[in-house]
């Protein structure tokens, strides 16, 4: 299993708006696509960054699911950030492979 993660560093001015849209619109629609086994929104506690930091975590069985997401859904996420929060939200992606789960 692969954990696909998008970290977002969000300026305090748009924190509530970003969090609500991500949770109520983006992740809700993503869940309906059934690309991933699950998707979650987490708040990073004790982040060293200014503002608020969040992680969108998606659990994938394989790289093809992540590729499908990047081709179809990630662009919507990026466009929303550019259109509304260009200078207030910074995102970066990471992929992690599970080695052991107890």
N, C-alpha and C. Protein backbone atom coordinates (compact mmCIF):
# COMPACT_ATOMS: atom_id res chain seq x y z
N UNK A 1 0.85 -1.17 0.00
CA UNK A 1 0.00 0.00 0.00
C UNK A 1 0.90 1.24 0.00
N UNK A 2 0.41 2.30 -0.64
CA UNK A 2 1.14 3.55 -0.75
C UNK A 2 0.31 4.66 -0.11
N UNK A 3 0.99 5.49 0.67
CA UNK A 3 0.35 6.66 1.23
C UNK A 3 0.76 7.85 0.37
N UNK A 4 -0.22 8.46 -0.28
CA UNK A 4 0.02 9.66 -1.07
C UNK A 4 -0.40 10.84 -0.22
N UNK A 5 0.50 11.79 -0.05
CA UNK A 5 0.28 12.90 0.86
C UNK A 5 0.44 14.23 0.14
N UNK A 6 -0.47 15.13 0.41
CA UNK A 6 -0.34 16.52 -0.03
C UNK A 6 -0.32 17.36 1.24
N UNK A 7 0.78 18.06 1.46
CA UNK A 7 0.89 18.94 2.61
C UNK A 7 0.56 20.35 2.16
N UNK A 8 -0.25 21.04 2.94
CA UNK A 8 -0.64 22.42 2.64
C UNK A 8 -0.28 23.30 3.81
N UNK A 9 0.46 24.35 3.53
CA UNK A 9 0.76 25.37 4.53
C UNK A 9 -0.15 26.55 4.20
N UNK A 10 -1.01 26.91 5.14
CA UNK A 10 -2.11 27.84 4.88
C UNK A 10 -1.99 29.08 5.75
N UNK A 11 -2.07 30.24 5.12
CA UNK A 11 -2.06 31.51 5.84
C UNK A 11 -3.31 31.60 6.71
N UNK A 12 -3.17 32.17 7.89
CA UNK A 12 -4.30 32.27 8.83
C UNK A 12 -5.52 32.96 8.24
N UNK A 13 -5.32 33.92 7.33
CA UNK A 13 -6.44 34.67 6.74
C UNK A 13 -7.41 33.79 5.97
N UNK A 14 -6.93 32.69 5.41
CA UNK A 14 -7.78 31.83 4.58
C UNK A 14 -7.95 30.43 5.16
N UNK A 15 -7.52 30.26 6.40
CA UNK A 15 -7.53 28.94 7.02
C UNK A 15 -8.91 28.29 7.01
N UNK A 16 -9.89 28.98 7.51
CA UNK A 16 -11.24 28.39 7.60
C UNK A 16 -11.80 28.08 6.22
N UNK A 17 -11.65 29.00 5.29
CA UNK A 17 -12.16 28.80 3.93
C UNK A 17 -11.47 27.60 3.26
N UNK A 18 -10.16 27.53 3.36
CA UNK A 18 -9.41 26.42 2.77
C UNK A 18 -9.83 25.09 3.39
N UNK A 19 -9.88 25.05 4.70
CA UNK A 19 -10.21 23.81 5.40
C UNK A 19 -11.62 23.33 5.05
N UNK A 20 -12.57 24.24 5.04
CA UNK A 20 -13.95 23.86 4.72
C UNK A 20 -14.08 23.38 3.29
N UNK A 21 -13.46 24.08 2.33
CA UNK A 21 -13.55 23.66 0.93
C UNK A 21 -12.88 22.29 0.75
N UNK A 22 -11.72 22.13 1.33
CA UNK A 22 -10.99 20.87 1.19
C UNK A 22 -11.80 19.71 1.75
N UNK A 23 -12.38 19.90 2.91
CA UNK A 23 -13.14 18.84 3.57
C UNK A 23 -14.50 18.60 2.92
N UNK A 24 -15.26 19.65 2.74
CA UNK A 24 -16.65 19.50 2.30
C UNK A 24 -16.83 19.34 0.80
N UNK A 25 -15.88 19.86 0.03
CA UNK A 25 -16.02 19.80 -1.43
C UNK A 25 -15.00 18.82 -2.03
N UNK A 26 -13.72 19.13 -1.90
CA UNK A 26 -12.70 18.35 -2.59
C UNK A 26 -12.65 16.90 -2.12
N UNK A 27 -12.48 16.67 -0.82
CA UNK A 27 -12.37 15.28 -0.35
C UNK A 27 -13.68 14.53 -0.49
N UNK A 28 -14.80 15.22 -0.35
CA UNK A 28 -16.10 14.57 -0.54
C UNK A 28 -16.24 14.05 -1.97
N UNK A 29 -15.90 14.91 -2.94
CA UNK A 29 -15.97 14.49 -4.35
C UNK A 29 -14.94 13.41 -4.66
N UNK A 30 -13.76 13.54 -4.08
CA UNK A 30 -12.73 12.52 -4.29
C UNK A 30 -13.18 11.16 -3.78
N UNK A 31 -13.82 11.13 -2.65
CA UNK A 31 -14.33 9.86 -2.09
C UNK A 31 -15.33 9.22 -3.05
N UNK A 32 -16.12 10.02 -3.73
CA UNK A 32 -17.11 9.49 -4.66
C UNK A 32 -16.46 8.86 -5.90
N UNK A 33 -15.23 9.27 -6.24
CA UNK A 33 -14.56 8.69 -7.40
C UNK A 33 -14.06 7.28 -7.12
N UNK A 34 -13.86 6.97 -5.85
CA UNK A 34 -13.36 5.65 -5.41
C UNK A 34 -11.98 5.33 -5.99
N UNK A 35 -11.20 6.38 -6.30
CA UNK A 35 -9.83 6.17 -6.77
C UNK A 35 -8.99 5.53 -5.67
N UNK A 36 -9.16 6.04 -4.43
CA UNK A 36 -8.37 5.57 -3.31
C UNK A 36 -9.21 4.74 -2.35
N UNK A 37 -8.51 3.95 -1.53
CA UNK A 37 -9.19 3.17 -0.50
C UNK A 37 -9.80 4.10 0.55
N UNK A 38 -9.08 5.17 0.86
CA UNK A 38 -9.57 6.17 1.81
C UNK A 38 -8.81 7.46 1.60
N UNK A 39 -9.38 8.54 2.11
CA UNK A 39 -8.75 9.85 2.05
C UNK A 39 -9.10 10.58 3.34
N UNK A 40 -8.13 11.35 3.85
CA UNK A 40 -8.30 12.02 5.13
C UNK A 40 -7.70 13.41 5.08
N UNK A 41 -8.22 14.28 5.94
CA UNK A 41 -7.64 15.60 6.15
C UNK A 41 -7.15 15.65 7.59
N UNK A 42 -5.87 15.95 7.76
CA UNK A 42 -5.28 16.02 9.09
C UNK A 42 -4.67 17.39 9.30
N UNK A 43 -4.70 17.86 10.53
CA UNK A 43 -4.03 19.10 10.89
C UNK A 43 -2.70 18.73 11.54
N UNK A 44 -1.64 19.38 11.11
CA UNK A 44 -0.33 19.12 11.69
C UNK A 44 -0.21 19.96 12.97
N UNK A 45 0.02 19.29 14.06
CA UNK A 45 0.19 19.97 15.34
C UNK A 45 1.66 20.34 15.52
N UNK A 46 1.90 21.43 16.15
CA UNK A 46 3.27 21.88 16.43
C UNK A 46 4.10 22.08 15.17
N UNK A 47 3.47 22.55 14.11
CA UNK A 47 4.20 22.81 12.87
C UNK A 47 5.16 23.99 13.06
N UNK A 48 6.35 23.91 12.50
CA UNK A 48 7.28 25.03 12.61
C UNK A 48 6.94 26.18 11.65
N UNK A 49 5.96 25.98 10.78
CA UNK A 49 5.61 26.99 9.78
C UNK A 49 4.64 28.01 10.34
N UNK A 50 4.67 29.20 9.77
CA UNK A 50 3.67 30.20 10.12
C UNK A 50 2.34 29.78 9.52
N UNK A 51 1.25 30.19 10.13
CA UNK A 51 -0.07 29.79 9.66
C UNK A 51 -0.40 28.39 10.15
N UNK A 52 -1.27 27.72 9.40
CA UNK A 52 -1.70 26.37 9.75
C UNK A 52 -1.18 25.40 8.70
N UNK A 53 -0.91 24.18 9.12
CA UNK A 53 -0.43 23.15 8.19
C UNK A 53 -1.37 21.95 8.23
N UNK A 54 -1.68 21.44 7.04
CA UNK A 54 -2.59 20.30 6.90
C UNK A 54 -1.98 19.25 5.99
N UNK A 55 -2.44 18.03 6.17
CA UNK A 55 -2.08 16.94 5.27
C UNK A 55 -3.35 16.33 4.72
N UNK A 56 -3.39 16.15 3.42
CA UNK A 56 -4.42 15.35 2.78
C UNK A 56 -3.76 14.02 2.49
N UNK A 57 -4.27 12.96 3.09
CA UNK A 57 -3.64 11.66 2.93
C UNK A 57 -4.61 10.71 2.24
N UNK A 58 -4.08 10.06 1.19
CA UNK A 58 -4.86 9.11 0.43
C UNK A 58 -4.13 7.77 0.42
N UNK A 59 -4.87 6.71 0.64
CA UNK A 59 -4.28 5.37 0.64
C UNK A 59 -4.56 4.69 -0.70
N UNK A 60 -3.46 4.32 -1.37
CA UNK A 60 -3.57 3.70 -2.70
C UNK A 60 -2.99 2.30 -2.66
N UNK A 61 -3.55 1.44 -3.49
CA UNK A 61 -3.02 0.08 -3.62
C UNK A 61 -1.80 0.06 -4.53
N UNK A 62 -1.74 1.03 -5.48
CA UNK A 62 -0.67 0.99 -6.46
C UNK A 62 -0.43 2.38 -7.06
N UNK A 63 0.62 2.49 -7.84
CA UNK A 63 1.00 3.75 -8.49
C UNK A 63 -0.05 4.20 -9.51
N UNK A 64 -0.75 3.26 -10.13
CA UNK A 64 -1.76 3.61 -11.13
C UNK A 64 -2.87 4.46 -10.52
N UNK A 65 -3.24 4.19 -9.29
CA UNK A 65 -4.28 4.99 -8.64
C UNK A 65 -3.78 6.43 -8.43
N UNK A 66 -2.54 6.58 -8.04
CA UNK A 66 -1.98 7.91 -7.84
C UNK A 66 -1.89 8.65 -9.17
N UNK A 67 -1.47 7.96 -10.21
CA UNK A 67 -1.39 8.56 -11.54
C UNK A 67 -2.77 9.01 -12.00
N UNK A 68 -3.79 8.18 -11.79
CA UNK A 68 -5.16 8.54 -12.16
C UNK A 68 -5.61 9.79 -11.40
N UNK A 69 -5.31 9.85 -10.13
CA UNK A 69 -5.64 11.02 -9.34
C UNK A 69 -4.96 12.27 -9.89
N UNK A 70 -3.68 12.16 -10.18
CA UNK A 70 -2.93 13.32 -10.69
C UNK A 70 -3.47 13.78 -12.03
N UNK A 71 -3.90 12.85 -12.86
CA UNK A 71 -4.43 13.21 -14.17
C UNK A 71 -5.82 13.82 -14.10
N UNK A 72 -6.64 13.40 -13.16
CA UNK A 72 -8.04 13.80 -13.16
C UNK A 72 -8.45 14.75 -12.04
N UNK A 73 -7.92 14.59 -10.85
CA UNK A 73 -8.42 15.33 -9.70
C UNK A 73 -7.46 16.37 -9.14
N UNK A 74 -6.17 16.11 -9.22
CA UNK A 74 -5.21 17.02 -8.61
C UNK A 74 -5.23 18.39 -9.26
N UNK A 75 -5.49 18.44 -10.55
CA UNK A 75 -5.56 19.71 -11.26
C UNK A 75 -6.65 20.61 -10.68
N UNK A 76 -7.77 20.03 -10.31
CA UNK A 76 -8.86 20.81 -9.70
C UNK A 76 -8.37 21.45 -8.40
N UNK A 77 -7.66 20.69 -7.61
CA UNK A 77 -7.13 21.18 -6.35
C UNK A 77 -6.14 22.32 -6.59
N UNK A 78 -5.22 22.12 -7.51
CA UNK A 78 -4.23 23.15 -7.83
C UNK A 78 -4.87 24.42 -8.38
N UNK A 79 -5.86 24.27 -9.25
CA UNK A 79 -6.53 25.43 -9.84
C UNK A 79 -7.27 26.24 -8.78
N UNK A 80 -7.92 25.58 -7.85
CA UNK A 80 -8.63 26.27 -6.78
C UNK A 80 -7.65 27.09 -5.95
N UNK A 81 -6.53 26.50 -5.62
CA UNK A 81 -5.51 27.20 -4.84
C UNK A 81 -5.00 28.42 -5.61
N UNK A 82 -4.70 28.25 -6.89
CA UNK A 82 -4.22 29.36 -7.71
C UNK A 82 -5.26 30.46 -7.84
N UNK A 83 -6.51 30.07 -8.06
CA UNK A 83 -7.58 31.05 -8.28
C UNK A 83 -7.90 31.86 -7.03
N UNK A 84 -7.95 31.21 -5.88
CA UNK A 84 -8.42 31.89 -4.67
C UNK A 84 -7.34 32.22 -3.66
N UNK A 85 -6.31 31.39 -3.60
CA UNK A 85 -5.35 31.51 -2.50
C UNK A 85 -3.90 31.47 -2.99
N UNK A 86 -3.62 32.03 -4.14
CA UNK A 86 -2.30 31.89 -4.78
C UNK A 86 -1.13 32.24 -3.86
N UNK A 87 -1.23 33.29 -3.10
CA UNK A 87 -0.12 33.69 -2.24
C UNK A 87 -0.32 33.28 -0.79
N UNK A 88 -1.38 32.49 -0.53
CA UNK A 88 -1.72 32.19 0.86
C UNK A 88 -1.71 30.70 1.18
N UNK A 89 -1.58 29.85 0.16
CA UNK A 89 -1.51 28.41 0.37
C UNK A 89 -0.36 27.85 -0.45
N UNK A 90 0.51 27.13 0.22
CA UNK A 90 1.64 26.47 -0.43
C UNK A 90 1.47 24.97 -0.26
N UNK A 91 1.57 24.21 -1.36
CA UNK A 91 1.40 22.75 -1.26
C UNK A 91 2.62 22.03 -1.82
N UNK A 92 2.84 20.82 -1.29
CA UNK A 92 3.81 19.91 -1.87
C UNK A 92 3.35 18.48 -1.63
N UNK A 93 3.78 17.61 -2.54
CA UNK A 93 3.35 16.21 -2.52
C UNK A 93 4.47 15.29 -2.03
N UNK A 94 4.07 14.15 -1.51
CA UNK A 94 5.01 13.08 -1.20
C UNK A 94 4.29 11.74 -1.28
N UNK A 95 5.05 10.72 -1.60
CA UNK A 95 4.52 9.36 -1.65
C UNK A 95 5.36 8.51 -0.71
N UNK A 96 4.68 7.70 0.09
CA UNK A 96 5.36 6.84 1.05
C UNK A 96 4.84 5.42 0.91
N UNK A 97 5.75 4.48 0.91
CA UNK A 97 5.38 3.07 0.82
C UNK A 97 5.41 2.47 2.22
N UNK A 98 4.36 1.74 2.55
CA UNK A 98 4.33 1.05 3.84
C UNK A 98 5.32 -0.10 3.82
N UNK A 99 6.17 -0.16 4.83
CA UNK A 99 7.12 -1.26 5.00
C UNK A 99 6.58 -2.25 6.01
N UNK A 100 6.07 -1.74 7.12
CA UNK A 100 5.51 -2.59 8.17
C UNK A 100 4.37 -1.88 8.84
N UNK A 101 3.33 -2.62 9.13
CA UNK A 101 2.18 -2.11 9.87
C UNK A 101 1.86 -3.15 10.94
N UNK A 102 1.80 -2.74 12.17
CA UNK A 102 1.51 -3.68 13.26
C UNK A 102 0.14 -3.45 13.82
